[in-house]
Amino acid sequence: MAQVFHPASNSLARFTFYGGAFVVGAIIWASVLFVRSGFNTGVGNPLSQPVPFSHEHHVAGLGLDCRYCHTSVEDSSYAGMPPTSTCMTCHSQVWKDSPVLAPVRQSLAQDQPLQWNRVYVLPGFVYFDHSVHVQHGVGCATCHGPVDQMPLTYKAEEVTMSWCLTCHKDPAPNLRPEDQVFNMAYQTPPNQAELGRQLMQQYHIDTSVLTDCSTCHR
């Protein structure tokens, strides 16, 4: 009987099968890398803003407290953005004619707020409350990173569901004493494990509530 397939057909079939599996695996691997990359998540990438505001200059250089601009962070779900009048408290005298601050002066003159681009944008089905975190010992830098070292503000964390749940399941490593929440120079002490457990009791933190779906999805 005549041979229908060439002797190399078996090798070609195996190469096609394993090669196809490799290509599919490579596509999946590349897709995962892309989804987790800063290009897609925005982590580490400063956003363009109407005014190139530098937290590094204002916080680390001038010593401004977070609450000077974000006035509602302790008692509201929204941290708050400063009105233009807050900016002009200083800039009516300092750099008052600087071209880079022209949008700020125009905002004040027209009584229209500056349109800042949000660095962290959560989906509409996610509820987040700044005040709850602040009042329970979560420092600003835990989520926002070293803002005091950012010439231009960028997203420091992905803020995915898994990232949030990691903390909600065990918040102890991220808790601080109440008077250190806004301290950007705060260093985690060697006894953080013990301190964190004590602070969980002090703040009455119940992880069973934190991991309930309705806590973030309302």
N, C-alpha and C. Protein backbone atom coordinates (compact mmCIF):
# COMPACT_ATOMS: atom_id res chain seq x y z
N MET A 1 0.85 -1.19 0.00
CA MET A 1 0.00 0.00 0.00
C MET A 1 0.89 1.25 0.00
N ALA A 2 0.52 2.19 -0.82
CA ALA A 2 1.32 3.41 -0.91
C ALA A 2 1.17 4.25 0.36
N GLN A 3 2.26 4.87 0.78
CA GLN A 3 2.24 5.72 1.97
C GLN A 3 1.58 7.06 1.63
N VAL A 4 0.51 7.40 2.42
CA VAL A 4 -0.24 8.61 2.13
C VAL A 4 0.49 9.86 2.61
N PHE A 5 1.03 9.81 3.85
CA PHE A 5 1.69 10.97 4.44
C PHE A 5 3.20 10.84 4.36
N HIS A 6 3.84 11.95 4.24
CA HIS A 6 5.30 11.98 4.20
C HIS A 6 5.84 11.57 5.56
N PRO A 7 7.00 10.92 5.63
CA PRO A 7 7.57 10.50 6.93
C PRO A 7 7.75 11.65 7.92
N ALA A 8 7.87 12.86 7.40
CA ALA A 8 8.08 14.01 8.30
C ALA A 8 6.78 14.54 8.88
N SER A 9 5.64 13.97 8.46
CA SER A 9 4.34 14.48 8.90
C SER A 9 4.17 14.41 10.41
N ASN A 10 4.64 13.32 11.02
CA ASN A 10 4.51 13.18 12.48
C ASN A 10 5.26 14.29 13.20
N SER A 11 6.46 14.56 12.72
CA SER A 11 7.26 15.63 13.34
C SER A 11 6.59 16.98 13.15
N LEU A 12 6.02 17.19 11.94
CA LEU A 12 5.34 18.45 11.67
C LEU A 12 4.10 18.60 12.55
N ALA A 13 3.37 17.50 12.74
CA ALA A 13 2.18 17.56 13.58
C ALA A 13 2.54 17.88 15.02
N ARG A 14 3.61 17.21 15.52
CA ARG A 14 4.04 17.50 16.90
C ARG A 14 4.49 18.94 17.04
N PHE A 15 5.23 19.43 16.05
CA PHE A 15 5.72 20.81 16.09
C PHE A 15 4.55 21.79 16.10
N THR A 16 3.55 21.50 15.25
CA THR A 16 2.37 22.37 15.18
C THR A 16 1.62 22.38 16.50
N PHE A 17 1.44 21.20 17.11
CA PHE A 17 0.70 21.10 18.36
C PHE A 17 1.42 21.84 19.48
N TYR A 18 2.70 21.50 19.68
CA TYR A 18 3.44 22.13 20.78
C TYR A 18 3.73 23.60 20.49
N GLY A 19 3.96 23.90 19.21
CA GLY A 19 4.20 25.29 18.85
C GLY A 19 2.97 26.15 19.08
N GLY A 20 1.80 25.59 18.71
CA GLY A 20 0.55 26.31 18.94
C GLY A 20 0.31 26.55 20.41
N ALA A 21 0.57 25.50 21.23
CA ALA A 21 0.39 25.63 22.68
C ALA A 21 1.32 26.71 23.24
N PHE A 22 2.55 26.74 22.70
CA PHE A 22 3.52 27.74 23.16
C PHE A 22 3.05 29.15 22.80
N VAL A 23 2.53 29.31 21.57
CA VAL A 23 2.08 30.63 21.12
C VAL A 23 0.90 31.10 21.97
N VAL A 24 -0.05 30.18 22.24
CA VAL A 24 -1.20 30.54 23.08
C VAL A 24 -0.74 30.94 24.48
N GLY A 25 0.20 30.14 25.04
CA GLY A 25 0.74 30.45 26.36
C GLY A 25 1.45 31.79 26.38
N ALA A 26 2.19 32.08 25.32
CA ALA A 26 2.92 33.35 25.23
C ALA A 26 1.96 34.53 25.16
N ILE A 27 0.84 34.36 24.42
CA ILE A 27 -0.16 35.41 24.32
C ILE A 27 -0.79 35.68 25.68
N ILE A 28 -1.14 34.60 26.38
CA ILE A 28 -1.73 34.75 27.72
C ILE A 28 -0.76 35.43 28.66
N TRP A 29 0.49 35.00 28.64
CA TRP A 29 1.54 35.59 29.50
C TRP A 29 1.73 37.07 29.18
N ALA A 30 1.77 37.40 27.89
CA ALA A 30 1.95 38.81 27.49
C ALA A 30 0.74 39.64 27.90
N SER A 31 -0.46 39.04 27.81
CA SER A 31 -1.67 39.76 28.19
C SER A 31 -1.68 40.07 29.68
N VAL A 32 -1.25 39.09 30.49
CA VAL A 32 -1.19 39.30 31.93
C VAL A 32 -0.19 40.40 32.26
N LEU A 33 0.96 40.37 31.60
CA LEU A 33 1.98 41.41 31.83
C LEU A 33 1.44 42.78 31.46
N PHE A 34 0.70 42.85 30.35
CA PHE A 34 0.16 44.14 29.91
C PHE A 34 -0.86 44.67 30.92
N VAL A 35 -1.76 43.76 31.36
CA VAL A 35 -2.80 44.17 32.31
C VAL A 35 -2.19 44.70 33.59
N ARG A 36 -1.08 44.08 34.03
CA ARG A 36 -0.45 44.48 35.28
C ARG A 36 0.60 45.57 35.09
N SER A 37 0.86 45.97 33.85
CA SER A 37 1.91 46.95 33.59
C SER A 37 1.46 48.36 33.94
N GLY A 38 2.43 49.23 34.19
CA GLY A 38 2.13 50.62 34.48
C GLY A 38 1.45 51.32 33.31
N PHE A 39 1.70 50.84 32.09
CA PHE A 39 1.07 51.44 30.91
C PHE A 39 -0.44 51.31 31.00
N ASN A 40 -0.91 50.15 31.51
CA ASN A 40 -2.35 49.91 31.61
C ASN A 40 -2.93 50.42 32.93
N THR A 41 -2.20 50.19 34.03
CA THR A 41 -2.72 50.58 35.35
C THR A 41 -2.47 52.04 35.68
N GLY A 42 -1.48 52.65 35.02
CA GLY A 42 -1.14 54.03 35.31
C GLY A 42 -0.20 54.19 36.48
N VAL A 43 0.20 53.08 37.11
CA VAL A 43 1.10 53.15 38.26
C VAL A 43 2.45 53.72 37.82
N GLY A 44 2.89 54.76 38.53
CA GLY A 44 4.19 55.36 38.26
C GLY A 44 4.20 56.37 37.13
N ASN A 45 3.03 56.62 36.52
CA ASN A 45 2.97 57.55 35.38
C ASN A 45 2.25 58.83 35.78
N PRO A 46 2.96 59.94 35.91
CA PRO A 46 2.31 61.21 36.26
C PRO A 46 1.29 61.62 35.19
N LEU A 47 0.17 62.18 35.65
CA LEU A 47 -0.85 62.66 34.72
C LEU A 47 -0.62 64.14 34.41
N SER A 48 -0.99 64.51 33.21
CA SER A 48 -0.92 65.93 32.84
C SER A 48 -1.99 66.68 33.64
N GLN A 49 -1.62 67.83 34.18
CA GLN A 49 -2.53 68.63 34.99
C GLN A 49 -2.55 70.07 34.48
N PRO A 50 -3.60 70.80 34.78
CA PRO A 50 -3.67 72.20 34.32
C PRO A 50 -2.54 73.06 34.90
N VAL A 51 -2.04 72.65 36.08
CA VAL A 51 -0.91 73.31 36.71
C VAL A 51 0.01 72.21 37.25
N PRO A 52 1.31 72.27 36.97
CA PRO A 52 2.22 71.21 37.42
C PRO A 52 2.50 71.31 38.93
N PHE A 53 1.51 70.95 39.72
CA PHE A 53 1.62 71.06 41.17
C PHE A 53 2.62 70.02 41.71
N SER A 54 3.53 70.45 42.56
CA SER A 54 4.55 69.57 43.14
C SER A 54 4.29 69.33 44.62
N HIS A 55 3.90 68.11 44.95
CA HIS A 55 3.77 67.75 46.36
C HIS A 55 5.14 67.77 47.04
N GLU A 56 6.16 67.40 46.29
CA GLU A 56 7.52 67.39 46.85
C GLU A 56 7.88 68.77 47.38
N HIS A 57 7.58 69.79 46.60
CA HIS A 57 7.91 71.16 47.01
C HIS A 57 7.04 71.63 48.17
N HIS A 58 5.74 71.39 48.07
CA HIS A 58 4.82 71.91 49.07
C HIS A 58 4.84 71.12 50.37
N VAL A 59 4.99 69.80 50.28
CA VAL A 59 4.94 68.97 51.49
C VAL A 59 6.33 68.81 52.10
N ALA A 60 7.27 68.25 51.33
CA ALA A 60 8.62 68.04 51.87
C ALA A 60 9.38 69.35 52.01
N GLY A 61 9.22 70.25 51.03
CA GLY A 61 9.97 71.50 51.06
C GLY A 61 9.40 72.53 52.01
N LEU A 62 8.08 72.75 51.94
CA LEU A 62 7.46 73.81 52.75
C LEU A 62 6.80 73.28 54.02
N GLY A 63 6.63 71.97 54.10
CA GLY A 63 6.08 71.38 55.32
C GLY A 63 4.57 71.47 55.46
N LEU A 64 3.84 71.62 54.35
CA LEU A 64 2.38 71.69 54.43
C LEU A 64 1.81 70.33 54.83
N ASP A 65 0.85 70.36 55.73
CA ASP A 65 0.15 69.15 56.15
C ASP A 65 -0.88 68.78 55.08
N CYS A 66 -1.13 67.48 54.91
CA CYS A 66 -2.10 67.01 53.91
C CYS A 66 -3.45 67.72 54.07
N ARG A 67 -3.84 67.95 55.33
CA ARG A 67 -5.16 68.50 55.61
C ARG A 67 -5.29 69.98 55.27
N TYR A 68 -4.19 70.64 54.98
CA TYR A 68 -4.26 72.04 54.60
C TYR A 68 -5.02 72.19 53.28
N CYS A 69 -4.79 71.24 52.38
CA CYS A 69 -5.48 71.26 51.08
C CYS A 69 -6.66 70.29 51.04
N HIS A 70 -6.46 69.10 51.61
CA HIS A 70 -7.51 68.08 51.59
C HIS A 70 -8.27 68.16 52.91
N THR A 71 -9.11 69.16 53.00
CA THR A 71 -9.70 69.54 54.27
C THR A 71 -10.75 68.57 54.81
N SER A 72 -11.37 67.80 53.94
CA SER A 72 -12.46 66.92 54.40
C SER A 72 -12.04 65.47 54.57
N VAL A 73 -10.75 65.19 54.50
CA VAL A 73 -10.28 63.81 54.51
C VAL A 73 -10.58 63.09 55.83
N GLU A 74 -10.72 63.84 56.93
CA GLU A 74 -10.95 63.20 58.23
C GLU A 74 -12.42 62.91 58.52
N ASP A 75 -13.33 63.57 57.80
CA ASP A 75 -14.74 63.40 58.13
C ASP A 75 -15.64 63.19 56.93
N SER A 76 -15.05 62.85 55.79
CA SER A 76 -15.85 62.65 54.59
C SER A 76 -15.27 61.52 53.76
N SER A 77 -16.11 60.93 52.91
CA SER A 77 -15.62 59.89 52.02
C SER A 77 -14.64 60.48 51.00
N TYR A 78 -14.83 61.75 50.68
CA TYR A 78 -14.00 62.44 49.70
C TYR A 78 -12.95 63.29 50.42
N ALA A 79 -11.71 63.17 50.00
CA ALA A 79 -10.63 63.90 50.69
C ALA A 79 -10.73 65.40 50.46
N GLY A 80 -11.34 65.80 49.34
CA GLY A 80 -11.49 67.22 49.06
C GLY A 80 -10.32 67.80 48.28
N MET A 81 -10.61 68.74 47.44
CA MET A 81 -9.58 69.47 46.69
C MET A 81 -9.64 70.94 47.12
N PRO A 82 -8.50 71.58 47.21
CA PRO A 82 -8.49 72.97 47.70
C PRO A 82 -9.12 73.93 46.69
N PRO A 83 -9.91 74.88 47.16
CA PRO A 83 -10.40 75.92 46.25
C PRO A 83 -9.22 76.81 45.83
N THR A 84 -9.41 77.50 44.75
CA THR A 84 -8.34 78.36 44.24
C THR A 84 -7.92 79.41 45.27
N SER A 85 -8.84 79.81 46.11
CA SER A 85 -8.51 80.81 47.13
C SER A 85 -7.44 80.29 48.09
N THR A 86 -7.42 78.98 48.32
CA THR A 86 -6.39 78.40 49.18
C THR A 86 -5.02 78.55 48.52
N CYS A 87 -4.96 78.27 47.23
CA CYS A 87 -3.70 78.42 46.50
C CYS A 87 -3.22 79.88 46.54
N MET A 88 -4.18 80.80 46.37
CA MET A 88 -3.82 82.22 46.30
C MET A 88 -3.49 82.82 47.65
N THR A 89 -3.71 82.07 48.72
CA THR A 89 -3.27 82.54 50.04
C THR A 89 -1.78 82.86 50.00
N CYS A 90 -1.03 82.00 49.31
CA CYS A 90 0.40 82.23 49.16
C CYS A 90 0.73 82.90 47.82
N HIS A 91 0.08 82.42 46.77
CA HIS A 91 0.50 82.84 45.43
C HIS A 91 0.00 84.21 45.01
N SER A 92 -0.72 84.89 45.89
CA SER A 92 -1.00 86.31 45.63
C SER A 92 0.25 87.14 45.91
N GLN A 93 1.20 86.50 46.63
CA GLN A 93 2.45 87.18 46.98
C GLN A 93 3.67 86.45 46.40
N VAL A 94 3.60 85.12 46.36
CA VAL A 94 4.73 84.30 45.90
C VAL A 94 4.48 83.83 44.48
N TRP A 95 5.43 84.13 43.58
CA TRP A 95 5.30 83.75 42.16
C TRP A 95 3.98 84.29 41.59
N LYS A 96 3.60 85.47 42.02
CA LYS A 96 2.28 85.99 41.64
C LYS A 96 2.16 86.31 40.15
N ASP A 97 3.29 86.48 39.45
CA ASP A 97 3.25 86.77 38.02
C ASP A 97 3.80 85.63 37.18
N SER A 98 4.02 84.47 37.80
CA SER A 98 4.59 83.34 37.07
C SER A 98 3.64 82.85 35.98
N PRO A 99 4.13 82.66 34.75
CA PRO A 99 3.27 82.16 33.66
C PRO A 99 2.66 80.79 33.98
N VAL A 100 3.40 79.96 34.71
CA VAL A 100 2.91 78.61 34.99
C VAL A 100 1.69 78.64 35.90
N LEU A 101 1.52 79.75 36.64
CA LEU A 101 0.37 79.88 37.54
C LEU A 101 -0.77 80.68 36.93
N ALA A 102 -0.68 80.97 35.65
CA ALA A 102 -1.73 81.73 34.98
C ALA A 102 -3.10 81.05 35.10
N PRO A 103 -3.19 79.70 34.98
CA PRO A 103 -4.51 79.06 35.15
C PRO A 103 -5.09 79.27 36.55
N VAL A 104 -4.22 79.38 37.55
CA VAL A 104 -4.69 79.60 38.92
C VAL A 104 -5.29 81.00 39.04
N ARG A 105 -4.61 81.99 38.50
CA ARG A 105 -5.11 83.37 38.56
C ARG A 105 -6.40 83.51 37.75
N GLN A 106 -6.45 82.83 36.61
CA GLN A 106 -7.66 82.87 35.78
C GLN A 106 -8.83 82.20 36.51
N SER A 107 -8.54 81.11 37.20
CA SER A 107 -9.57 80.40 37.96
C SER A 107 -10.17 81.31 39.02
N LEU A 108 -9.32 82.06 39.71
CA LEU A 108 -9.81 82.97 40.75
C LEU A 108 -10.61 84.11 40.14
N ALA A 109 -10.11 84.67 39.05
CA ALA A 109 -10.77 85.82 38.42
C ALA A 109 -12.15 85.45 37.87
N GLN A 110 -12.27 84.23 37.34
CA GLN A 110 -13.53 83.79 36.75
C GLN A 110 -14.41 83.03 37.73
N ASP A 111 -13.89 82.81 38.94
CA ASP A 111 -14.63 82.07 39.96
C ASP A 111 -15.03 80.68 39.45
N GLN A 112 -14.09 80.04 38.76
CA GLN A 112 -14.28 78.70 38.24
C GLN A 112 -13.16 77.80 38.75
N PRO A 113 -13.49 76.66 39.36
CA PRO A 113 -12.44 75.79 39.89
C PRO A 113 -11.56 75.20 38.80
N LEU A 114 -10.32 74.93 39.14
CA LEU A 114 -9.42 74.25 38.23
C LEU A 114 -9.91 72.82 38.01
N GLN A 115 -9.81 72.34 36.78
CA GLN A 115 -10.24 70.99 36.46
C GLN A 115 -9.05 70.04 36.53
N TRP A 116 -8.81 69.51 37.72
CA TRP A 116 -7.70 68.58 37.92
C TRP A 116 -8.06 67.20 37.36
N ASN A 117 -7.08 66.49 36.87
CA ASN A 117 -7.29 65.12 36.40
C ASN A 117 -7.08 64.16 37.56
N ARG A 118 -8.08 63.33 37.83
CA ARG A 118 -8.00 62.40 38.95
C ARG A 118 -6.90 61.37 38.73
N VAL A 119 -6.09 61.16 39.74
CA VAL A 119 -5.02 60.17 39.67
C VAL A 119 -5.58 58.78 39.97
N TYR A 120 -6.46 58.69 40.96
CA TYR A 120 -7.11 57.43 41.30
C TYR A 120 -8.58 57.51 40.89
N VAL A 121 -8.98 56.62 40.00
CA VAL A 121 -10.37 56.58 39.55
C VAL A 121 -10.92 55.18 39.81
N LEU A 122 -11.85 55.08 40.75
CA LEU A 122 -12.46 53.80 41.08
C LEU A 122 -13.74 53.61 40.27
N PRO A 123 -14.08 52.35 39.96
CA PRO A 123 -15.34 52.09 39.24
C PRO A 123 -16.53 52.58 40.05
N GLY A 124 -17.63 52.85 39.38
CA GLY A 124 -18.82 53.36 40.04
C GLY A 124 -19.42 52.39 41.04
N PHE A 125 -19.12 51.10 40.90
CA PHE A 125 -19.68 50.11 41.82
C PHE A 125 -18.82 49.90 43.07
N VAL A 126 -17.77 50.70 43.20
CA VAL A 126 -16.88 50.58 44.37
C VAL A 126 -17.08 51.79 45.28
N TYR A 127 -17.33 51.53 46.55
CA TYR A 127 -17.48 52.61 47.53
C TYR A 127 -16.20 52.70 48.36
N PHE A 128 -15.66 53.89 48.45
CA PHE A 128 -14.45 54.10 49.25
C PHE A 128 -14.65 55.33 50.13
N ASP A 129 -14.29 55.21 51.38
CA ASP A 129 -14.45 56.31 52.33
C ASP A 129 -13.10 56.67 52.94
N HIS A 130 -12.60 57.85 52.62
CA HIS A 130 -11.31 58.29 53.17
C HIS A 130 -11.35 58.37 54.70
N SER A 131 -12.43 58.94 55.23
CA SER A 131 -12.49 59.19 56.67
C SER A 131 -12.39 57.91 57.49
N VAL A 132 -13.03 56.85 57.01
CA VAL A 132 -12.99 55.58 57.75
C VAL A 132 -11.56 55.06 57.84
N HIS A 133 -10.82 55.16 56.76
CA HIS A 133 -9.44 54.67 56.76
C HIS A 133 -8.55 55.54 57.65
N VAL A 134 -8.71 56.86 57.53
CA VAL A 134 -7.90 57.78 58.33
C VAL A 134 -8.19 57.60 59.83
N GLN A 135 -9.45 57.47 60.17
CA GLN A 135 -9.84 57.34 61.58
C GLN A 135 -9.44 55.99 62.18
N HIS A 136 -9.07 55.04 61.32
CA HIS A 136 -8.67 53.73 61.82
C HIS A 136 -7.18 53.46 61.58
N GLY A 137 -6.41 54.53 61.48
CA GLY A 137 -4.96 54.39 61.51
C GLY A 137 -4.27 54.04 60.22
N VAL A 138 -4.92 54.23 59.08
CA VAL A 138 -4.27 53.97 57.79
C VAL A 138 -3.64 55.26 57.30
N GLY A 139 -2.34 55.28 57.17
CA GLY A 139 -1.63 56.48 56.75
C GLY A 139 -1.84 56.80 55.29
N CYS A 140 -1.72 58.07 54.95
CA CYS A 140 -1.88 58.50 53.56
C CYS A 140 -0.96 57.74 52.62
N ALA A 141 0.29 57.54 53.04
CA ALA A 141 1.29 56.92 52.19
C ALA A 141 0.99 55.45 51.92
N THR A 142 0.16 54.81 52.74
CA THR A 142 -0.15 53.40 52.54
C THR A 142 -0.79 53.18 51.18
N CYS A 143 -1.67 54.08 50.78
CA CYS A 143 -2.34 53.95 49.48
C CYS A 143 -1.73 54.87 48.43
N HIS A 144 -1.34 56.06 48.85
CA HIS A 144 -0.88 57.07 47.89
C HIS A 144 0.63 57.07 47.68
N GLY A 145 1.34 56.26 48.44
CA GLY A 145 2.79 56.20 48.26
C GLY A 145 3.49 57.43 48.81
N PRO A 146 4.78 57.59 48.49
CA PRO A 146 5.56 58.73 49.01
C PRO A 146 5.24 60.02 48.29
N VAL A 147 4.04 60.54 48.53
CA VAL A 147 3.58 61.74 47.82
C VAL A 147 4.51 62.91 48.07
N ASP A 148 5.09 62.96 49.26
CA ASP A 148 5.99 64.07 49.59
C ASP A 148 7.27 64.06 48.76
N GLN A 149 7.49 62.99 47.99
CA GLN A 149 8.67 62.90 47.13
C GLN A 149 8.30 62.96 45.64
N MET A 150 7.07 63.35 45.34
CA MET A 150 6.59 63.37 43.96
C MET A 150 6.57 64.80 43.40
N PRO A 151 7.47 65.12 42.48
CA PRO A 151 7.39 66.43 41.82
C PRO A 151 6.07 66.57 41.05
N LEU A 152 5.63 65.48 40.44
CA LEU A 152 4.33 65.41 39.80
C LEU A 152 3.64 64.16 40.34
N THR A 153 2.37 64.27 40.68
CA THR A 153 1.68 63.19 41.36
C THR A 153 1.36 62.04 40.41
N TYR A 154 1.60 60.83 40.87
CA TYR A 154 1.28 59.63 40.09
C TYR A 154 0.66 58.57 41.00
N LYS A 155 0.02 57.61 40.38
CA LYS A 155 -0.59 56.52 41.13
C LYS A 155 0.50 55.59 41.64
N ALA A 156 0.49 55.32 42.95
CA ALA A 156 1.54 54.49 43.55
C ALA A 156 1.14 53.03 43.63
N GLU A 157 -0.15 52.74 43.67
CA GLU A 157 -0.64 51.37 43.78
C GLU A 157 -1.73 51.10 42.75
N GLU A 158 -1.88 49.82 42.39
CA GLU A 158 -2.90 49.46 41.40
C GLU A 158 -4.32 49.68 41.93
N VAL A 159 -4.49 49.49 43.25
CA VAL A 159 -5.80 49.58 43.89
C VAL A 159 -6.80 48.62 43.22
N THR A 160 -6.35 47.39 43.04
CA THR A 160 -7.24 46.35 42.55
C THR A 160 -8.01 45.76 43.72
N MET A 161 -9.01 44.93 43.43
CA MET A 161 -9.78 44.29 44.48
C MET A 161 -8.89 43.41 45.34
N SER A 162 -7.98 42.66 44.71
CA SER A 162 -7.09 41.77 45.47
C SER A 162 -6.16 42.57 46.36
N TRP A 163 -5.72 43.75 45.89
CA TRP A 163 -4.83 44.59 46.69
C TRP A 163 -5.56 45.10 47.94
N CYS A 164 -6.80 45.54 47.75
CA CYS A 164 -7.59 46.01 48.89
C CYS A 164 -7.89 44.87 49.86
N LEU A 165 -8.24 43.71 49.34
CA LEU A 165 -8.60 42.59 50.19
C LEU A 165 -7.41 42.10 51.02
N THR A 166 -6.21 42.21 50.47
CA THR A 166 -5.02 41.81 51.23
C THR A 166 -4.95 42.57 52.54
N CYS A 167 -5.25 43.85 52.48
CA CYS A 167 -5.24 44.68 53.69
C CYS A 167 -6.48 44.43 54.54
N HIS A 168 -7.63 44.26 53.91
CA HIS A 168 -8.87 44.05 54.67
C HIS A 168 -8.84 42.74 55.45
N LYS A 169 -8.13 41.73 54.91
CA LYS A 169 -8.02 40.45 55.61
C LYS A 169 -7.06 40.55 56.80
N ASP A 170 -6.04 41.39 56.65
CA ASP A 170 -5.05 41.55 57.72
C ASP A 170 -4.52 42.98 57.71
N PRO A 171 -5.25 43.93 58.29
CA PRO A 171 -4.84 45.33 58.26
C PRO A 171 -3.69 45.68 59.20
N ALA A 172 -3.38 44.79 60.14
CA ALA A 172 -2.37 45.09 61.18
C ALA A 172 -1.06 45.65 60.62
N PRO A 173 -0.50 45.10 59.54
CA PRO A 173 0.78 45.62 59.04
C PRO A 173 0.72 47.06 58.55
N ASN A 174 -0.48 47.57 58.29
CA ASN A 174 -0.61 48.91 57.71
C ASN A 174 -1.15 49.95 58.69
N LEU A 175 -1.33 49.57 59.94
CA LEU A 175 -1.92 50.51 60.90
C LEU A 175 -0.86 51.34 61.62
N ARG A 176 -1.24 52.57 61.95
CA ARG A 176 -0.36 53.49 62.65
C ARG A 176 -1.10 54.06 63.86
N PRO A 177 -0.36 54.62 64.80
CA PRO A 177 -1.02 55.40 65.86
C PRO A 177 -1.74 56.58 65.23
N GLU A 178 -2.79 57.02 65.85
CA GLU A 178 -3.64 58.08 65.31
C GLU A 178 -2.87 59.34 64.96
N ASP A 179 -1.88 59.68 65.79
CA ASP A 179 -1.15 60.93 65.57
C ASP A 179 -0.08 60.81 64.48
N GLN A 180 0.03 59.64 63.85
CA GLN A 180 1.04 59.45 62.81
C GLN A 180 0.44 59.25 61.42
N VAL A 181 -0.87 59.30 61.32
CA VAL A 181 -1.54 59.03 60.05
C VAL A 181 -1.07 59.97 58.95
N PHE A 182 -0.87 61.24 59.27
CA PHE A 182 -0.50 62.23 58.27
C PHE A 182 1.00 62.52 58.24
N ASN A 183 1.76 61.73 58.96
CA ASN A 183 3.21 61.90 58.99
C ASN A 183 3.84 61.16 57.81
N MET A 184 4.27 61.89 56.81
CA MET A 184 4.83 61.27 55.61
C MET A 184 6.21 60.67 55.86
N ALA A 185 6.84 61.04 56.96
CA ALA A 185 8.16 60.50 57.28
C ALA A 185 8.08 59.30 58.22
N TYR A 186 6.88 58.85 58.52
CA TYR A 186 6.68 57.75 59.47
C TYR A 186 7.39 56.48 58.98
N GLN A 187 8.07 55.81 59.91
CA GLN A 187 8.75 54.56 59.61
C GLN A 187 8.10 53.43 60.41
N THR A 188 7.80 52.33 59.75
CA THR A 188 7.20 51.19 60.42
C THR A 188 8.16 50.66 61.48
N PRO A 189 7.74 50.55 62.74
CA PRO A 189 8.64 50.11 63.81
C PRO A 189 8.90 48.60 63.74
N PRO A 190 9.97 48.15 64.37
CA PRO A 190 10.30 46.72 64.37
C PRO A 190 9.20 45.85 64.98
N ASN A 191 8.43 46.41 65.91
CA ASN A 191 7.38 45.64 66.58
C ASN A 191 6.00 45.86 65.93
N GLN A 192 6.00 46.09 64.62
CA GLN A 192 4.74 46.41 63.93
C GLN A 192 3.70 45.31 64.09
N ALA A 193 4.11 44.06 64.11
CA ALA A 193 3.15 42.96 64.24
C ALA A 193 2.37 43.09 65.55
N GLU A 194 3.09 43.34 66.64
CA GLU A 194 2.44 43.49 67.94
C GLU A 194 1.64 44.80 68.00
N LEU A 195 2.25 45.88 67.50
CA LEU A 195 1.57 47.18 67.50
C LEU A 195 0.29 47.12 66.67
N GLY A 196 0.37 46.45 65.52
CA GLY A 196 -0.79 46.36 64.65
C GLY A 196 -1.96 45.65 65.32
N ARG A 197 -1.66 44.59 66.05
CA ARG A 197 -2.72 43.85 66.77
C ARG A 197 -3.34 44.74 67.85
N GLN A 198 -2.50 45.49 68.55
CA GLN A 198 -3.00 46.39 69.58
C GLN A 198 -3.89 47.48 68.98
N LEU A 199 -3.46 48.01 67.83
CA LEU A 199 -4.22 49.07 67.19
C LEU A 199 -5.55 48.55 66.63
N MET A 200 -5.56 47.31 66.19
CA MET A 200 -6.82 46.72 65.71
C MET A 200 -7.84 46.68 66.85
N GLN A 201 -7.38 46.35 68.05
CA GLN A 201 -8.28 46.34 69.22
C GLN A 201 -8.68 47.77 69.58
N GLN A 202 -7.72 48.67 69.54
CA GLN A 202 -7.99 50.06 69.89
C GLN A 202 -9.00 50.70 68.93
N TYR A 203 -8.87 50.40 67.64
CA TYR A 203 -9.77 50.96 66.63
C TYR A 203 -11.03 50.13 66.41
N HIS A 204 -11.13 49.02 67.14
CA HIS A 204 -12.30 48.13 67.04
C HIS A 204 -12.50 47.64 65.60
N ILE A 205 -11.43 47.12 65.02
CA ILE A 205 -11.47 46.64 63.65
C ILE A 205 -11.87 45.17 63.62
N ASP A 206 -12.91 44.87 62.88
CA ASP A 206 -13.42 43.51 62.75
C ASP A 206 -13.22 43.08 61.29
N THR A 207 -12.29 42.16 61.03
CA THR A 207 -11.98 41.77 59.66
C THR A 207 -13.13 41.04 58.98
N SER A 208 -14.03 40.44 59.75
CA SER A 208 -15.17 39.76 59.13
C SER A 208 -16.09 40.76 58.43
N VAL A 209 -16.13 41.97 58.97
CA VAL A 209 -16.91 43.04 58.34
C VAL A 209 -16.17 43.58 57.13
N LEU A 210 -14.86 43.71 57.26
CA LEU A 210 -14.06 44.27 56.17
C LEU A 210 -14.09 43.42 54.91
N THR A 211 -14.28 42.12 55.06
CA THR A 211 -14.29 41.23 53.90
C THR A 211 -15.69 40.93 53.40
N ASP A 212 -16.69 41.56 53.98
CA ASP A 212 -18.05 41.40 53.50
C ASP A 212 -18.23 42.20 52.20
N CYS A 213 -18.88 41.61 51.24
CA CYS A 213 -19.03 42.27 49.93
C CYS A 213 -19.65 43.66 50.03
N SER A 214 -20.64 43.79 50.92
CA SER A 214 -21.38 45.05 51.01
C SER A 214 -20.55 46.19 51.60
N THR A 215 -19.38 45.87 52.15
CA THR A 215 -18.52 46.93 52.69
C THR A 215 -18.04 47.88 51.58
N CYS A 216 -17.70 47.32 50.44
CA CYS A 216 -17.21 48.13 49.32
C CYS A 216 -18.18 48.22 48.17
N HIS A 217 -19.09 47.26 48.07
CA HIS A 217 -20.05 47.24 46.96
C HIS A 217 -21.45 47.44 47.53
N ARG A 218 -21.97 48.66 47.36
CA ARG A 218 -23.25 49.02 47.96
C ARG A 218 -24.30 49.37 46.90
